[in-house]
Amino acid sequence: MCIEKHKARPEGQEMRTNVVIDDDLLNQAFSLSNARTKKDLIHEALKLFVTIRKRRDLTELAGSISFYDGYNHKKLRRTGE
């Protein structure tokens, strides 16, 4: 099997592709989206995928945050003070 790595294209240039998509999965995705076309649905899904993957896993931050002496996180939760 040969897999080519995605090559960057100039911004705004689209790539045409054919894929086989599971009908049940596609129908579920349409039921959870406001997309009206398969193209819109796939663009929405790709944007969401990229957004999720860019988020840093909070578990990676465990133990790396230092708070100053006297820091009171509960006081910050109170509103109107």
C-alpha atoms as a PDB file:
ATOM      1  CA  MET A   1       0.000   0.000   0.000  1.00  0.00           C
ATOM      2  CA  CYS A   2       1.326   3.416  -0.933  1.00  0.00           C
ATOM      3  CA  ILE A   3       0.324   6.456   1.083  1.00  0.00           C
ATOM      4  CA  GLU A   4       1.382   9.902  -0.028  1.00  0.00           C
ATOM      5  CA  LYS A   5       1.753  12.621   2.540  1.00  0.00           C
ATOM      6  CA  HIS A   6      -0.488  15.651   1.921  1.00  0.00           C
ATOM      7  CA  LYS A   7       1.358  18.323   0.001  1.00  0.00           C
ATOM      8  CA  ALA A   8       0.567  21.940   0.832  1.00  0.00           C
ATOM      9  CA  ARG A   9      -1.391  23.868  -1.787  1.00  0.00           C
ATOM     10  CA  PRO A  10      -1.627  27.607  -2.213  1.00  0.00           C
ATOM     11  CA  GLU A  11      -4.301  29.087   0.054  1.00  0.00           C
ATOM     12  CA  GLY A  12      -7.792  28.967  -1.397  1.00  0.00           C
ATOM     13  CA  GLN A  13      -6.987  26.141  -3.787  1.00  0.00           C
ATOM     14  CA  GLU A  14      -9.174  23.089  -3.226  1.00  0.00           C
ATOM     15  CA  MET A  15      -8.399  19.441  -3.804  1.00  0.00           C
ATOM     16  CA  ARG A  16     -10.950  17.157  -5.435  1.00  0.00           C
ATOM     17  CA  THR A  17     -11.094  13.643  -4.031  1.00  0.00           C
ATOM     18  CA  ASN A  18     -13.345  10.580  -4.049  1.00  0.00           C
ATOM     19  CA  VAL A  19     -13.921   8.636  -0.846  1.00  0.00           C
ATOM     20  CA  VAL A  20     -16.215   5.834   0.249  1.00  0.00           C
ATOM     21  CA  ILE A  21     -18.125   6.894   3.382  1.00  0.00           C
ATOM     22  CA  ASP A  22     -20.233   4.647   5.606  1.00  0.00           C
ATOM     23  CA  ASP A  23     -23.896   5.602   4.992  1.00  0.00           C
ATOM     24  CA  ASP A  24     -24.909   5.142   8.649  1.00  0.00           C
ATOM     25  CA  LEU A  25     -22.039   7.319   9.854  1.00  0.00           C
ATOM     26  CA  LEU A  26     -22.874   9.950   7.269  1.00  0.00           C
ATOM     27  CA  ASN A  27     -26.546   9.987   8.300  1.00  0.00           C
ATOM     28  CA  GLN A  28     -25.593  10.300  11.974  1.00  0.00           C
ATOM     29  CA  ALA A  29     -23.304  13.218  11.161  1.00  0.00           C
ATOM     30  CA  PHE A  30     -26.047  14.967   9.183  1.00  0.00           C
ATOM     31  CA  SER A  31     -28.438  14.529  12.117  1.00  0.00           C
ATOM     32  CA  LEU A  32     -25.943  16.320  14.401  1.00  0.00           C
ATOM     33  CA  SER A  33     -25.125  19.113  11.982  1.00  0.00           C
ATOM     34  CA  ASN A  34     -26.834  21.957  10.166  1.00  0.00           C
ATOM     35  CA  ALA A  35     -24.886  21.132   7.010  1.00  0.00           C
ATOM     36  CA  ARG A  36     -27.018  20.834   3.890  1.00  0.00           C
ATOM     37  CA  THR A  37     -24.493  19.141   1.596  1.00  0.00           C
ATOM     38  CA  LYS A  38     -21.895  16.400   1.961  1.00  0.00           C
ATOM     39  CA  LYS A  39     -19.195  18.939   1.108  1.00  0.00           C
ATOM     40  CA  ASP A  40     -20.334  21.263   3.905  1.00  0.00           C
ATOM     41  CA  LEU A  41     -20.549  18.353   6.333  1.00  0.00           C
ATOM     42  CA  ILE A  42     -17.038  17.152   5.526  1.00  0.00           C
ATOM     43  CA  HIS A  43     -15.614  20.680   5.810  1.00  0.00           C
ATOM     44  CA  GLU A  44     -17.324  21.068   9.196  1.00  0.00           C
ATOM     45  CA  ALA A  45     -15.955  17.711  10.348  1.00  0.00           C
ATOM     46  CA  LEU A  46     -12.422  18.537   9.213  1.00  0.00           C
ATOM     47  CA  LYS A  47     -12.480  21.922  10.964  1.00  0.00           C
ATOM     48  CA  LEU A  48     -13.683  20.274  14.166  1.00  0.00           C
ATOM     49  CA  PHE A  49     -11.008  17.581  13.865  1.00  0.00           C
ATOM     50  CA  VAL A  50      -8.254  20.179  13.490  1.00  0.00           C
ATOM     51  CA  THR A  51      -9.602  22.263  16.388  1.00  0.00           C
ATOM     52  CA  ILE A  52      -9.745  19.270  18.713  1.00  0.00           C
ATOM     53  CA  ARG A  53      -6.272  18.049  17.778  1.00  0.00           C
ATOM     54  CA  LYS A  54      -4.780  21.513  18.362  1.00  0.00           C
ATOM     55  CA  ARG A  55      -6.081  21.666  21.910  1.00  0.00           C
ATOM     56  CA  ARG A  56      -3.467  20.797  24.405  1.00  0.00           C
ATOM     57  CA  ASP A  57      -4.297  17.845  26.573  1.00  0.00           C
ATOM     58  CA  LEU A  58      -4.819  19.252  30.065  1.00  0.00           C
ATOM     59  CA  THR A  59      -3.164  16.214  31.580  1.00  0.00           C
ATOM     60  CA  GLU A  60       0.096  17.392  30.004  1.00  0.00           C
ATOM     61  CA  LEU A  61      -0.079  20.489  32.219  1.00  0.00           C
ATOM     62  CA  ALA A  62      -0.359  18.535  35.468  1.00  0.00           C
ATOM     63  CA  GLY A  63       2.300  19.730  37.909  1.00  0.00           C
ATOM     64  CA  SER A  64       3.597  22.455  35.609  1.00  0.00           C
ATOM     65  CA  ILE A  65       1.551  25.335  36.998  1.00  0.00           C
ATOM     66  CA  SER A  66       2.882  27.165  40.029  1.00  0.00           C
ATOM     67  CA  PHE A  67       0.647  29.406  42.126  1.00  0.00           C
ATOM     68  CA  TYR A  68       1.856  32.287  44.258  1.00  0.00           C
ATOM     69  CA  ASP A  69       1.626  32.069  48.047  1.00  0.00           C
ATOM     70  CA  GLY A  70      -1.793  33.096  49.271  1.00  0.00           C
ATOM     71  CA  TYR A  71      -3.515  32.280  45.957  1.00  0.00           C
ATOM     72  CA  ASN A  72      -7.195  31.554  46.636  1.00  0.00           C
ATOM     73  CA  HIS A  73      -8.984  30.003  43.667  1.00  0.00           C
ATOM     74  CA  LYS A  74     -12.271  29.873  45.581  1.00  0.00           C
ATOM     75  CA  LYS A  75     -12.259  33.630  46.086  1.00  0.00           C
ATOM     76  CA  LEU A  76     -11.987  34.120  42.330  1.00  0.00           C
ATOM     77  CA  ARG A  77     -15.160  32.080  41.822  1.00  0.00           C
ATOM     78  CA  ARG A  78     -17.254  34.491  43.846  1.00  0.00           C
ATOM     79  CA  THR A  79     -19.066  37.073  41.791  1.00  0.00           C
ATOM     80  CA  GLY A  80     -19.801  40.623  42.782  1.00  0.00           C
ATOM     81  CA  GLU A  81     -16.916  40.980  45.239  1.00  0.00           C
END
